[in-house]
Amino acid sequence: MKKILLFLLPLVILIAACTKKKDDTVSAGKQGPRAGSKWVYSVKEYETNQAPTTFDLELTARDTLIDGTDWLGISYTLAGSGSTPVKIYALKAKGDGWWVKSFTSGQSGLWLAYPVNIGQVYDMRNPVGLDYGFVSTPPMPIQVLSITYTRDINGITYSGLIQAGYTKQLSGGNTLSEGINYRNDGALLFHHFLDQYTASTDNHHIVEWDLKSFTR
């Protein structure tokens, strides 16, 4: 729970807004996120042989100017809490997919690659996973496993999703596994899975995000 609650801590946001530069944003289709878009995710966090902690996170998008170019600023809040949303990262469509920029470090990188082919590997910056903040963890090489994936989430069937993931072998028999299901339009991220396995205790620490609703 401690790691997830870090999403909700107040952050110092330093945005250099000056004369607008040439924008490298590309079209993400008529159904891509825009200012005012809202996501609700069901988040579940649990350890081996322990009951899960679950809660809903609400994300909102607002137009944001960073270094003279247009981005979508994404804010988090606990759904139904009435608390003020806190900006976490910015989102932007480019020629190779959706990019993110951290408000904490200012670093940016590719999050959801598009278009892709099965077997393709790309370096992913994931703002909702272990790479949150872009400081302690470098981009992770993630492999595209399917481009026609179908997934049932909260009683709704989504098709035409891209499925990608990786498992990284660490010292001592420990592993780190991450998986995502996404599209280039609509809600973008439909499912996220992170599993940190500790061999010495035979323990899995798992965090899952599942889309509950998306309002464009």
N, C-alpha and C. Protein backbone atom coordinates (compact mmCIF):
# COMPACT_ATOMS: atom_id res chain seq x y z
N MET A 1 0.82 -1.20 0.00
CA MET A 1 0.00 0.00 0.00
C MET A 1 0.86 1.25 0.00
N LYS A 2 2.00 1.18 0.67
CA LYS A 2 2.87 2.34 0.79
C LYS A 2 3.29 2.88 -0.57
N LYS A 3 3.64 1.97 -1.51
CA LYS A 3 4.12 2.41 -2.82
C LYS A 3 3.02 3.10 -3.61
N ILE A 4 1.78 2.55 -3.53
CA ILE A 4 0.69 3.13 -4.28
C ILE A 4 0.33 4.50 -3.73
N LEU A 5 0.36 4.66 -2.41
CA LEU A 5 -0.01 5.94 -1.82
C LEU A 5 0.98 7.03 -2.18
N LEU A 6 2.18 6.65 -2.65
CA LEU A 6 3.13 7.66 -3.10
C LEU A 6 2.57 8.45 -4.27
N PHE A 7 1.66 7.83 -5.01
CA PHE A 7 1.05 8.52 -6.15
C PHE A 7 0.30 9.77 -5.68
N LEU A 8 -0.17 9.75 -4.44
CA LEU A 8 -1.09 10.78 -3.99
C LEU A 8 -0.43 11.84 -3.14
N LEU A 9 0.88 11.76 -2.97
CA LEU A 9 1.59 12.78 -2.20
C LEU A 9 1.71 14.06 -3.01
N PRO A 10 1.61 15.21 -2.36
CA PRO A 10 1.80 16.48 -3.09
C PRO A 10 3.17 16.52 -3.72
N LEU A 11 3.21 17.02 -4.93
CA LEU A 11 4.46 17.10 -5.69
C LEU A 11 4.75 18.54 -6.03
N VAL A 12 6.05 18.85 -6.10
CA VAL A 12 6.46 20.17 -6.56
C VAL A 12 6.56 20.12 -8.07
N ILE A 13 5.79 20.94 -8.74
CA ILE A 13 5.72 20.92 -10.19
C ILE A 13 6.42 22.15 -10.74
N LEU A 14 7.45 21.92 -11.52
CA LEU A 14 8.18 23.02 -12.13
C LEU A 14 8.03 22.90 -13.63
N ILE A 15 7.25 23.81 -14.23
CA ILE A 15 6.98 23.77 -15.66
C ILE A 15 7.45 25.07 -16.29
N ALA A 16 8.38 24.96 -17.20
CA ALA A 16 8.87 26.15 -17.88
C ALA A 16 7.95 26.47 -19.04
N ALA A 17 7.12 27.51 -18.89
CA ALA A 17 6.18 27.91 -19.94
C ALA A 17 6.70 29.18 -20.59
N CYS A 18 7.03 29.08 -21.86
CA CYS A 18 7.56 30.24 -22.55
C CYS A 18 6.94 30.29 -23.93
N THR A 19 7.61 30.96 -24.87
CA THR A 19 7.09 31.06 -26.21
C THR A 19 6.89 29.69 -26.80
N LYS A 20 5.70 29.49 -27.39
CA LYS A 20 5.35 28.16 -27.86
C LYS A 20 6.25 27.72 -29.00
N LYS A 21 6.79 26.50 -28.88
CA LYS A 21 7.66 25.93 -29.89
C LYS A 21 6.85 25.12 -30.88
N LYS A 22 7.51 24.65 -31.93
CA LYS A 22 6.86 23.77 -32.88
C LYS A 22 6.43 22.50 -32.16
N ASP A 23 5.14 22.14 -32.31
CA ASP A 23 4.59 21.00 -31.59
C ASP A 23 4.77 19.74 -32.41
N ASP A 24 5.33 18.67 -31.77
CA ASP A 24 5.55 17.42 -32.49
C ASP A 24 4.44 16.41 -32.21
N THR A 25 3.31 16.88 -31.65
CA THR A 25 2.18 16.01 -31.43
C THR A 25 1.63 15.51 -32.75
N VAL A 26 1.24 14.24 -32.80
CA VAL A 26 0.60 13.69 -33.99
C VAL A 26 -0.80 13.24 -33.64
N SER A 27 -1.61 13.06 -34.65
CA SER A 27 -2.98 12.63 -34.42
C SER A 27 -3.03 11.25 -33.79
N ALA A 28 -3.84 11.09 -32.76
CA ALA A 28 -4.00 9.80 -32.11
C ALA A 28 -5.38 9.22 -32.40
N GLY A 29 -6.02 9.74 -33.47
CA GLY A 29 -7.35 9.27 -33.78
C GLY A 29 -8.40 10.11 -33.08
N LYS A 30 -9.62 10.02 -33.55
CA LYS A 30 -10.69 10.86 -33.02
C LYS A 30 -11.13 10.46 -31.63
N GLN A 31 -10.72 9.27 -31.17
CA GLN A 31 -11.17 8.80 -29.87
C GLN A 31 -10.06 8.79 -28.82
N GLY A 32 -8.97 9.47 -29.09
CA GLY A 32 -7.89 9.54 -28.11
C GLY A 32 -8.22 10.45 -26.95
N PRO A 33 -7.49 10.35 -25.84
CA PRO A 33 -7.72 11.24 -24.70
C PRO A 33 -7.56 12.70 -25.08
N ARG A 34 -8.26 13.55 -24.36
CA ARG A 34 -8.21 14.99 -24.59
C ARG A 34 -8.45 15.68 -23.25
N ALA A 35 -8.35 17.00 -23.25
CA ALA A 35 -8.63 17.74 -22.02
C ALA A 35 -10.04 17.42 -21.54
N GLY A 36 -10.16 17.07 -20.28
CA GLY A 36 -11.44 16.69 -19.71
C GLY A 36 -11.67 15.20 -19.64
N SER A 37 -10.83 14.41 -20.31
CA SER A 37 -10.98 12.95 -20.24
C SER A 37 -10.78 12.46 -18.80
N LYS A 38 -11.50 11.40 -18.46
CA LYS A 38 -11.44 10.88 -17.09
C LYS A 38 -11.39 9.35 -17.13
N TRP A 39 -10.48 8.79 -16.33
CA TRP A 39 -10.34 7.34 -16.16
C TRP A 39 -10.64 6.97 -14.72
N VAL A 40 -11.22 5.80 -14.49
CA VAL A 40 -11.31 5.23 -13.16
C VAL A 40 -10.73 3.82 -13.24
N TYR A 41 -9.73 3.55 -12.40
CA TYR A 41 -9.10 2.24 -12.35
C TYR A 41 -9.35 1.60 -10.99
N SER A 42 -9.60 0.30 -11.02
CA SER A 42 -9.62 -0.49 -9.79
C SER A 42 -8.19 -0.98 -9.56
N VAL A 43 -7.62 -0.64 -8.41
CA VAL A 43 -6.25 -1.00 -8.10
C VAL A 43 -6.27 -2.04 -6.98
N LYS A 44 -5.54 -3.12 -7.19
CA LYS A 44 -5.46 -4.20 -6.20
C LYS A 44 -4.00 -4.47 -5.90
N GLU A 45 -3.65 -4.49 -4.63
CA GLU A 45 -2.27 -4.75 -4.20
C GLU A 45 -2.29 -5.86 -3.16
N TYR A 46 -1.42 -6.87 -3.33
CA TYR A 46 -1.43 -7.98 -2.40
C TYR A 46 -0.10 -8.72 -2.40
N GLU A 47 0.11 -9.47 -1.33
CA GLU A 47 1.28 -10.31 -1.17
C GLU A 47 0.83 -11.76 -1.14
N THR A 48 1.76 -12.67 -1.31
CA THR A 48 1.44 -14.10 -1.26
C THR A 48 0.75 -14.44 0.06
N ASN A 49 -0.38 -15.14 -0.06
CA ASN A 49 -1.13 -15.62 1.11
C ASN A 49 -1.67 -14.50 1.99
N GLN A 50 -1.86 -13.31 1.41
CA GLN A 50 -2.46 -12.21 2.16
C GLN A 50 -3.66 -11.67 1.41
N ALA A 51 -4.62 -11.14 2.15
CA ALA A 51 -5.80 -10.56 1.53
C ALA A 51 -5.40 -9.28 0.80
N PRO A 52 -5.98 -9.02 -0.37
CA PRO A 52 -5.60 -7.84 -1.14
C PRO A 52 -6.18 -6.55 -0.57
N THR A 53 -5.47 -5.46 -0.81
CA THR A 53 -5.99 -4.12 -0.57
C THR A 53 -6.50 -3.58 -1.90
N THR A 54 -7.73 -3.10 -1.95
CA THR A 54 -8.30 -2.59 -3.19
C THR A 54 -8.84 -1.19 -3.00
N PHE A 55 -8.74 -0.40 -4.02
CA PHE A 55 -9.29 0.96 -4.02
C PHE A 55 -9.40 1.42 -5.47
N ASP A 56 -10.15 2.48 -5.70
CA ASP A 56 -10.31 3.05 -7.03
C ASP A 56 -9.53 4.36 -7.13
N LEU A 57 -8.82 4.51 -8.24
CA LEU A 57 -8.11 5.75 -8.53
C LEU A 57 -8.79 6.43 -9.71
N GLU A 58 -8.96 7.73 -9.60
CA GLU A 58 -9.55 8.52 -10.68
C GLU A 58 -8.47 9.41 -11.30
N LEU A 59 -8.34 9.35 -12.61
CA LEU A 59 -7.37 10.17 -13.33
C LEU A 59 -8.12 11.17 -14.20
N THR A 60 -7.61 12.37 -14.28
CA THR A 60 -8.20 13.39 -15.14
C THR A 60 -7.12 14.02 -16.00
N ALA A 61 -7.52 14.48 -17.19
CA ALA A 61 -6.58 15.10 -18.13
C ALA A 61 -6.93 16.57 -18.33
N ARG A 62 -5.89 17.39 -18.37
CA ARG A 62 -6.07 18.83 -18.61
C ARG A 62 -4.97 19.30 -19.56
N ASP A 63 -5.28 20.27 -20.40
CA ASP A 63 -4.27 20.84 -21.28
C ASP A 63 -3.14 21.44 -20.45
N THR A 64 -1.91 21.15 -20.83
CA THR A 64 -0.73 21.62 -20.09
C THR A 64 0.34 22.04 -21.08
N LEU A 65 0.93 23.20 -20.86
CA LEU A 65 2.01 23.70 -21.71
C LEU A 65 3.34 23.44 -21.01
N ILE A 66 4.21 22.66 -21.65
CA ILE A 66 5.52 22.33 -21.09
C ILE A 66 6.59 22.68 -22.13
N ASP A 67 7.52 23.53 -21.74
CA ASP A 67 8.59 23.94 -22.64
C ASP A 67 8.04 24.42 -23.98
N GLY A 68 6.91 25.08 -23.93
CA GLY A 68 6.34 25.68 -25.14
C GLY A 68 5.55 24.73 -26.02
N THR A 69 5.34 23.48 -25.61
CA THR A 69 4.55 22.55 -26.41
C THR A 69 3.38 22.00 -25.60
N ASP A 70 2.36 21.54 -26.30
CA ASP A 70 1.12 21.07 -25.66
C ASP A 70 1.23 19.62 -25.21
N TRP A 71 0.88 19.37 -23.97
CA TRP A 71 0.77 18.04 -23.41
C TRP A 71 -0.58 17.94 -22.70
N LEU A 72 -0.95 16.72 -22.30
CA LEU A 72 -2.07 16.52 -21.40
C LEU A 72 -1.51 16.24 -20.01
N GLY A 73 -1.81 17.09 -19.06
CA GLY A 73 -1.39 16.85 -17.70
C GLY A 73 -2.35 15.88 -17.03
N ILE A 74 -1.83 14.79 -16.46
CA ILE A 74 -2.65 13.76 -15.83
C ILE A 74 -2.54 13.88 -14.31
N SER A 75 -3.72 13.90 -13.66
CA SER A 75 -3.78 14.03 -12.21
C SER A 75 -4.47 12.82 -11.60
N TYR A 76 -4.05 12.47 -10.38
CA TYR A 76 -4.61 11.34 -9.64
C TYR A 76 -5.37 11.84 -8.41
N THR A 77 -6.40 11.10 -8.04
CA THR A 77 -7.01 11.26 -6.74
C THR A 77 -7.72 9.96 -6.39
N LEU A 78 -7.90 9.69 -5.11
CA LEU A 78 -8.71 8.54 -4.71
C LEU A 78 -10.16 8.81 -5.10
N ALA A 79 -10.76 7.90 -5.85
CA ALA A 79 -12.13 8.11 -6.33
C ALA A 79 -13.08 8.28 -5.15
N GLY A 80 -13.90 9.32 -5.24
CA GLY A 80 -14.90 9.56 -4.20
C GLY A 80 -14.38 10.22 -2.95
N SER A 81 -13.09 10.56 -2.92
CA SER A 81 -12.52 11.13 -1.71
C SER A 81 -12.78 12.63 -1.58
N GLY A 82 -13.03 13.27 -2.71
CA GLY A 82 -13.22 14.72 -2.69
C GLY A 82 -11.93 15.50 -2.56
N SER A 83 -10.80 14.82 -2.57
CA SER A 83 -9.52 15.50 -2.44
C SER A 83 -9.12 16.16 -3.74
N THR A 84 -8.25 17.15 -3.65
CA THR A 84 -7.79 17.87 -4.83
C THR A 84 -6.86 16.98 -5.66
N PRO A 85 -7.14 16.83 -6.97
CA PRO A 85 -6.25 16.01 -7.81
C PRO A 85 -4.83 16.57 -7.83
N VAL A 86 -3.86 15.67 -7.84
CA VAL A 86 -2.45 16.05 -7.85
C VAL A 86 -1.82 15.64 -9.17
N LYS A 87 -1.15 16.56 -9.84
CA LYS A 87 -0.51 16.25 -11.12
C LYS A 87 0.65 15.28 -10.92
N ILE A 88 0.69 14.25 -11.77
CA ILE A 88 1.73 13.24 -11.65
C ILE A 88 2.61 13.21 -12.90
N TYR A 89 2.00 13.10 -14.07
CA TYR A 89 2.77 13.03 -15.31
C TYR A 89 2.00 13.69 -16.44
N ALA A 90 2.68 13.94 -17.54
CA ALA A 90 2.05 14.50 -18.73
C ALA A 90 2.08 13.48 -19.85
N LEU A 91 1.12 13.57 -20.75
CA LEU A 91 0.90 12.57 -21.79
C LEU A 91 0.86 13.26 -23.15
N LYS A 92 1.46 12.61 -24.16
CA LYS A 92 1.52 13.23 -25.48
C LYS A 92 1.64 12.15 -26.55
N ALA A 93 0.89 12.29 -27.63
CA ALA A 93 0.97 11.36 -28.76
C ALA A 93 2.04 11.83 -29.73
N LYS A 94 2.96 10.93 -30.08
CA LYS A 94 4.00 11.22 -31.06
C LYS A 94 3.96 10.15 -32.15
N GLY A 95 4.89 10.23 -33.07
CA GLY A 95 4.87 9.34 -34.22
C GLY A 95 5.05 7.88 -33.89
N ASP A 96 5.71 7.56 -32.74
CA ASP A 96 5.95 6.16 -32.38
C ASP A 96 5.08 5.69 -31.22
N GLY A 97 4.09 6.50 -30.83
CA GLY A 97 3.19 6.09 -29.77
C GLY A 97 2.98 7.20 -28.74
N TRP A 98 2.51 6.82 -27.57
CA TRP A 98 2.22 7.78 -26.50
C TRP A 98 3.42 7.92 -25.57
N TRP A 99 3.85 9.16 -25.39
CA TRP A 99 4.96 9.49 -24.52
C TRP A 99 4.46 10.05 -23.21
N VAL A 100 5.28 9.91 -22.16
CA VAL A 100 4.98 10.49 -20.86
C VAL A 100 6.17 11.33 -20.40
N LYS A 101 5.85 12.33 -19.59
CA LYS A 101 6.88 13.17 -18.98
C LYS A 101 6.59 13.27 -17.50
N SER A 102 7.60 13.01 -16.68
CA SER A 102 7.45 13.06 -15.23
C SER A 102 7.49 14.51 -14.74
N PHE A 103 6.54 14.87 -13.89
CA PHE A 103 6.56 16.20 -13.27
C PHE A 103 7.58 16.26 -12.14
N THR A 104 8.03 15.10 -11.63
CA THR A 104 8.99 15.11 -10.53
C THR A 104 10.42 15.28 -11.03
N SER A 105 10.76 14.59 -12.12
CA SER A 105 12.14 14.64 -12.60
C SER A 105 12.30 15.41 -13.91
N GLY A 106 11.20 15.61 -14.63
CA GLY A 106 11.27 16.26 -15.93
C GLY A 106 11.67 15.33 -17.05
N GLN A 107 12.01 14.08 -16.74
CA GLN A 107 12.39 13.12 -17.76
C GLN A 107 11.16 12.68 -18.56
N SER A 108 11.39 12.30 -19.81
CA SER A 108 10.30 11.82 -20.65
C SER A 108 10.74 10.58 -21.40
N GLY A 109 9.76 9.86 -21.94
CA GLY A 109 10.08 8.66 -22.70
C GLY A 109 8.83 8.00 -23.23
N LEU A 110 9.02 7.00 -24.07
CA LEU A 110 7.92 6.28 -24.69
C LEU A 110 7.25 5.36 -23.67
N TRP A 111 5.93 5.41 -23.65
CA TRP A 111 5.16 4.54 -22.77
C TRP A 111 4.46 3.44 -23.57
N LEU A 112 3.57 3.81 -24.48
CA LEU A 112 2.78 2.85 -25.24
C LEU A 112 3.15 2.97 -26.72
N ALA A 113 3.97 2.06 -27.20
CA ALA A 113 4.43 2.12 -28.58
C ALA A 113 3.30 1.77 -29.55
N TYR A 114 3.27 2.49 -30.69
CA TYR A 114 2.28 2.22 -31.72
C TYR A 114 2.72 2.89 -33.03
N PRO A 115 2.59 2.21 -34.17
CA PRO A 115 2.16 0.82 -34.34
C PRO A 115 3.28 -0.15 -33.94
N VAL A 116 2.91 -1.40 -33.69
CA VAL A 116 3.88 -2.41 -33.26
C VAL A 116 3.61 -3.73 -33.99
N ASN A 117 4.60 -4.60 -33.94
CA ASN A 117 4.48 -5.95 -34.49
C ASN A 117 4.73 -6.97 -33.39
N ILE A 118 4.17 -8.15 -33.54
CA ILE A 118 4.39 -9.22 -32.57
C ILE A 118 5.89 -9.55 -32.51
N GLY A 119 6.41 -9.65 -31.32
CA GLY A 119 7.82 -9.93 -31.12
C GLY A 119 8.68 -8.69 -30.99
N GLN A 120 8.13 -7.53 -31.32
CA GLN A 120 8.89 -6.28 -31.21
C GLN A 120 9.21 -5.97 -29.75
N VAL A 121 10.40 -5.46 -29.51
CA VAL A 121 10.83 -5.05 -28.18
C VAL A 121 11.09 -3.54 -28.20
N TYR A 122 10.55 -2.84 -27.23
CA TYR A 122 10.84 -1.41 -27.13
C TYR A 122 11.07 -1.03 -25.67
N ASP A 123 11.77 0.07 -25.44
CA ASP A 123 12.05 0.54 -24.09
C ASP A 123 10.86 1.35 -23.57
N MET A 124 10.28 0.91 -22.47
CA MET A 124 9.05 1.50 -21.94
C MET A 124 9.30 2.28 -20.66
N ARG A 125 8.74 3.49 -20.62
CA ARG A 125 8.62 4.26 -19.39
C ARG A 125 7.18 4.12 -18.94
N ASN A 126 6.95 3.54 -17.77
CA ASN A 126 5.59 3.29 -17.32
C ASN A 126 5.24 4.17 -16.12
N PRO A 127 4.36 5.15 -16.28
CA PRO A 127 4.08 6.07 -15.18
C PRO A 127 3.20 5.48 -14.08
N VAL A 128 2.62 4.29 -14.31
CA VAL A 128 1.79 3.68 -13.27
C VAL A 128 2.43 2.44 -12.69
N GLY A 129 3.65 2.14 -13.09
CA GLY A 129 4.32 0.94 -12.61
C GLY A 129 5.55 1.27 -11.80
N LEU A 130 6.50 0.37 -11.84
CA LEU A 130 7.72 0.53 -11.05
C LEU A 130 8.53 1.74 -11.49
N ASP A 131 8.34 2.16 -12.73
CA ASP A 131 9.12 3.27 -13.27
C ASP A 131 8.53 4.63 -12.91
N TYR A 132 7.60 4.66 -11.99
CA TYR A 132 6.99 5.91 -11.57
C TYR A 132 8.06 6.93 -11.15
N GLY A 133 7.99 8.13 -11.69
CA GLY A 133 8.92 9.18 -11.34
C GLY A 133 10.14 9.24 -12.24
N PHE A 134 10.47 8.14 -12.95
CA PHE A 134 11.57 8.11 -13.90
C PHE A 134 12.91 8.40 -13.26
N VAL A 135 13.07 8.11 -11.99
CA VAL A 135 14.30 8.45 -11.30
C VAL A 135 15.13 7.20 -10.99
N SER A 136 14.56 6.27 -10.25
CA SER A 136 15.34 5.14 -9.76
C SER A 136 15.43 3.98 -10.75
N THR A 137 14.52 3.93 -11.72
CA THR A 137 14.46 2.79 -12.62
C THR A 137 14.59 3.25 -14.07
N PRO A 138 15.48 2.65 -14.84
CA PRO A 138 15.60 3.02 -16.26
C PRO A 138 14.45 2.43 -17.05
N PRO A 139 14.30 2.81 -18.31
CA PRO A 139 13.26 2.20 -19.15
C PRO A 139 13.47 0.68 -19.21
N MET A 140 12.36 -0.05 -19.25
CA MET A 140 12.42 -1.50 -19.29
C MET A 140 12.15 -2.01 -20.70
N PRO A 141 12.98 -2.93 -21.22
CA PRO A 141 12.70 -3.54 -22.53
C PRO A 141 11.48 -4.44 -22.41
N ILE A 142 10.41 -4.12 -23.12
CA ILE A 142 9.17 -4.86 -23.04
C ILE A 142 8.85 -5.43 -24.41
N GLN A 143 8.37 -6.67 -24.47
CA GLN A 143 8.13 -7.34 -25.74
C GLN A 143 6.64 -7.42 -26.04
N VAL A 144 6.31 -7.13 -27.30
CA VAL A 144 4.92 -7.22 -27.76
C VAL A 144 4.58 -8.69 -27.99
N LEU A 145 3.55 -9.17 -27.29
CA LEU A 145 3.16 -10.57 -27.36
C LEU A 145 1.96 -10.81 -28.27
N SER A 146 1.09 -9.81 -28.39
CA SER A 146 -0.10 -9.94 -29.23
C SER A 146 -0.57 -8.54 -29.63
N ILE A 147 -1.18 -8.43 -30.80
CA ILE A 147 -1.77 -7.15 -31.22
C ILE A 147 -3.28 -7.29 -31.40
N THR A 148 -3.82 -8.46 -31.07
CA THR A 148 -5.26 -8.72 -31.19
C THR A 148 -5.79 -9.35 -29.90
N TYR A 149 -5.27 -8.92 -28.78
CA TYR A 149 -5.59 -9.54 -27.50
C TYR A 149 -7.00 -9.16 -27.05
N THR A 150 -7.72 -10.11 -26.47
CA THR A 150 -9.05 -9.87 -25.92
C THR A 150 -9.01 -10.11 -24.41
N ARG A 151 -9.57 -9.18 -23.66
CA ARG A 151 -9.52 -9.29 -22.20
C ARG A 151 -10.85 -8.89 -21.60
N ASP A 152 -11.30 -9.67 -20.61
CA ASP A 152 -12.51 -9.34 -19.85
C ASP A 152 -12.10 -8.60 -18.58
N ILE A 153 -12.63 -7.40 -18.41
CA ILE A 153 -12.31 -6.58 -17.24
C ILE A 153 -13.62 -6.07 -16.64
N ASN A 154 -13.87 -6.44 -15.39
CA ASN A 154 -15.06 -5.96 -14.68
C ASN A 154 -16.33 -6.19 -15.49
N GLY A 155 -16.43 -7.37 -16.13
CA GLY A 155 -17.64 -7.72 -16.86
C GLY A 155 -17.75 -7.16 -18.26
N ILE A 156 -16.72 -6.45 -18.71
CA ILE A 156 -16.72 -5.89 -20.06
C ILE A 156 -15.60 -6.55 -20.86
N THR A 157 -15.90 -6.92 -22.10
CA THR A 157 -14.91 -7.55 -22.96
C THR A 157 -14.31 -6.51 -23.90
N TYR A 158 -12.99 -6.38 -23.86
CA TYR A 158 -12.27 -5.46 -24.74
C TYR A 158 -11.46 -6.29 -25.73
N SER A 159 -11.52 -5.92 -26.99
CA SER A 159 -10.79 -6.66 -28.02
C SER A 159 -9.85 -5.72 -28.77
N GLY A 160 -8.97 -6.30 -29.55
CA GLY A 160 -8.02 -5.50 -30.32
C GLY A 160 -6.98 -4.82 -29.47
N LEU A 161 -6.68 -5.40 -28.31
CA LEU A 161 -5.68 -4.81 -27.42
C LEU A 161 -4.28 -5.30 -27.79
N ILE A 162 -3.30 -4.47 -27.49
CA ILE A 162 -1.90 -4.88 -27.59
C ILE A 162 -1.48 -5.43 -26.23
N GLN A 163 -0.88 -6.61 -26.25
CA GLN A 163 -0.39 -7.23 -25.02
C GLN A 163 1.13 -7.24 -25.05
N ALA A 164 1.75 -6.71 -23.99
CA ALA A 164 3.21 -6.66 -23.93
C ALA A 164 3.65 -6.94 -22.51
N GLY A 165 4.87 -7.48 -22.36
CA GLY A 165 5.35 -7.78 -21.02
C GLY A 165 6.82 -8.19 -21.01
N TYR A 166 7.34 -8.37 -19.82
CA TYR A 166 8.73 -8.82 -19.65
C TYR A 166 8.86 -9.48 -18.29
N THR A 167 9.87 -10.31 -18.14
CA THR A 167 10.30 -10.83 -16.85
C THR A 167 11.81 -10.63 -16.76
N LYS A 168 12.24 -9.94 -15.73
CA LYS A 168 13.65 -9.64 -15.54
C LYS A 168 14.20 -10.49 -14.40
N GLN A 169 15.28 -11.20 -14.67
CA GLN A 169 15.93 -12.01 -13.65
C GLN A 169 16.86 -11.13 -12.83
N LEU A 170 16.68 -11.16 -11.51
CA LEU A 170 17.50 -10.37 -10.61
C LEU A 170 18.40 -11.29 -9.79
N SER A 171 19.24 -10.73 -8.96
CA SER A 171 20.14 -11.53 -8.14
C SER A 171 19.36 -12.32 -7.09
N GLY A 172 19.94 -13.45 -6.67
CA GLY A 172 19.34 -14.24 -5.61
C GLY A 172 18.09 -14.99 -6.02
N GLY A 173 17.86 -15.12 -7.32
CA GLY A 173 16.66 -15.81 -7.78
C GLY A 173 15.42 -14.95 -7.80
N ASN A 174 15.57 -13.66 -7.47
CA ASN A 174 14.43 -12.75 -7.50
C ASN A 174 14.08 -12.41 -8.95
N THR A 175 12.82 -12.08 -9.18
CA THR A 175 12.38 -11.68 -10.52
C THR A 175 11.47 -10.47 -10.44
N LEU A 176 11.37 -9.77 -11.56
CA LEU A 176 10.45 -8.65 -11.72
C LEU A 176 9.69 -8.88 -13.01
N SER A 177 8.38 -8.93 -12.92
CA SER A 177 7.55 -9.15 -14.11
C SER A 177 6.55 -8.01 -14.24
N GLU A 178 6.31 -7.59 -15.47
CA GLU A 178 5.37 -6.51 -15.73
C GLU A 178 4.63 -6.80 -17.02
N GLY A 179 3.35 -6.46 -17.05
CA GLY A 179 2.56 -6.68 -18.25
C GLY A 179 1.55 -5.56 -18.44
N ILE A 180 1.24 -5.23 -19.69
CA ILE A 180 0.26 -4.20 -19.99
C ILE A 180 -0.63 -4.65 -21.15
N ASN A 181 -1.87 -4.20 -21.14
CA ASN A 181 -2.80 -4.32 -22.26
C ASN A 181 -3.22 -2.90 -22.62
N TYR A 182 -3.10 -2.52 -23.90
CA TYR A 182 -3.40 -1.15 -24.28
C TYR A 182 -3.85 -1.04 -25.72
N ARG A 183 -4.39 0.12 -26.06
CA ARG A 183 -4.69 0.49 -27.44
C ARG A 183 -4.16 1.89 -27.69
N ASN A 184 -4.19 2.31 -28.95
CA ASN A 184 -3.69 3.63 -29.31
C ASN A 184 -4.77 4.70 -29.18
N ASP A 185 -5.99 4.30 -28.89
CA ASP A 185 -7.08 5.27 -28.77
C ASP A 185 -7.90 4.95 -27.52
N GLY A 186 -8.95 5.70 -27.32
CA GLY A 186 -9.80 5.47 -26.16
C GLY A 186 -9.05 5.64 -24.86
N ALA A 187 -9.22 4.69 -23.96
CA ALA A 187 -8.62 4.80 -22.63
C ALA A 187 -7.11 4.57 -22.62
N LEU A 188 -6.56 4.05 -23.71
CA LEU A 188 -5.13 3.72 -23.84
C LEU A 188 -4.78 2.52 -22.97
N LEU A 189 -4.59 2.70 -21.67
CA LEU A 189 -4.21 1.60 -20.78
C LEU A 189 -5.46 0.92 -20.23
N PHE A 190 -5.57 -0.40 -20.45
CA PHE A 190 -6.72 -1.15 -19.96
C PHE A 190 -6.35 -2.03 -18.76
N HIS A 191 -5.12 -2.52 -18.73
CA HIS A 191 -4.69 -3.38 -17.63
C HIS A 191 -3.19 -3.23 -17.43
N HIS A 192 -2.79 -3.19 -16.17
CA HIS A 192 -1.37 -3.18 -15.83
C HIS A 192 -1.13 -4.18 -14.70
N PHE A 193 -0.03 -4.92 -14.81
CA PHE A 193 0.30 -5.96 -13.83
C PHE A 193 1.78 -5.85 -13.48
N LEU A 194 2.08 -5.83 -12.19
CA LEU A 194 3.46 -5.77 -11.72
C LEU A 194 3.65 -6.80 -10.61
N ASP A 195 4.66 -7.66 -10.77
CA ASP A 195 4.93 -8.72 -9.80
C ASP A 195 6.40 -8.68 -9.41
N GLN A 196 6.66 -8.37 -8.14
CA GLN A 196 8.01 -8.38 -7.60
C GLN A 196 8.14 -9.64 -6.73
N TYR A 197 8.96 -10.60 -7.20
CA TYR A 197 9.10 -11.88 -6.50
C TYR A 197 10.40 -11.92 -5.72
N THR A 198 10.32 -12.28 -4.42
CA THR A 198 11.47 -12.43 -3.55
C THR A 198 11.66 -13.91 -3.26
N ALA A 199 12.74 -14.48 -3.78
CA ALA A 199 12.96 -15.93 -3.68
C ALA A 199 13.20 -16.38 -2.25
N SER A 200 13.91 -15.57 -1.46
CA SER A 200 14.27 -15.99 -0.10
C SER A 200 13.05 -16.22 0.79
N THR A 201 11.96 -15.50 0.49
CA THR A 201 10.73 -15.66 1.28
C THR A 201 9.61 -16.28 0.46
N ASP A 202 9.91 -16.61 -0.80
CA ASP A 202 8.91 -17.17 -1.71
C ASP A 202 7.66 -16.29 -1.75
N ASN A 203 7.88 -14.99 -1.86
CA ASN A 203 6.78 -14.02 -1.77
C ASN A 203 6.63 -13.22 -3.07
N HIS A 204 5.40 -13.09 -3.50
CA HIS A 204 5.06 -12.24 -4.64
C HIS A 204 4.37 -10.98 -4.12
N HIS A 205 4.89 -9.82 -4.50
CA HIS A 205 4.21 -8.54 -4.22
C HIS A 205 3.62 -8.08 -5.54
N ILE A 206 2.30 -8.06 -5.63
CA ILE A 206 1.62 -7.84 -6.91
C ILE A 206 0.73 -6.61 -6.82
N VAL A 207 0.79 -5.80 -7.88
CA VAL A 207 -0.09 -4.65 -8.02
C VAL A 207 -0.75 -4.74 -9.39
N GLU A 208 -2.07 -4.65 -9.42
CA GLU A 208 -2.81 -4.70 -10.68
C GLU A 208 -3.71 -3.48 -10.83
N TRP A 209 -3.75 -2.95 -12.05
CA TRP A 209 -4.68 -1.89 -12.42
C TRP A 209 -5.64 -2.44 -13.47
N ASP A 210 -6.95 -2.28 -13.25
CA ASP A 210 -7.96 -2.67 -14.23
C ASP A 210 -8.89 -1.50 -14.50
N LEU A 211 -9.11 -1.21 -15.76
CA LEU A 211 -9.98 -0.09 -16.13
C LEU A 211 -11.42 -0.36 -15.72
N LYS A 212 -12.04 0.60 -15.02
CA LYS A 212 -13.46 0.49 -14.68
C LYS A 212 -14.31 1.35 -15.61
N SER A 213 -13.79 2.53 -15.96
CA SER A 213 -14.55 3.39 -16.86
C SER A 213 -13.63 4.42 -17.49
N PHE A 214 -14.02 4.89 -18.66
CA PHE A 214 -13.30 5.96 -19.34
C PHE A 214 -14.32 6.90 -19.96
N THR A 215 -14.22 8.17 -19.66
CA THR A 215 -15.11 9.19 -20.22
C THR A 215 -14.26 10.16 -21.00
N ARG A 216 -14.48 10.22 -22.31
CA ARG A 216 -13.67 11.10 -23.12
C ARG A 216 -14.18 12.55 -23.02
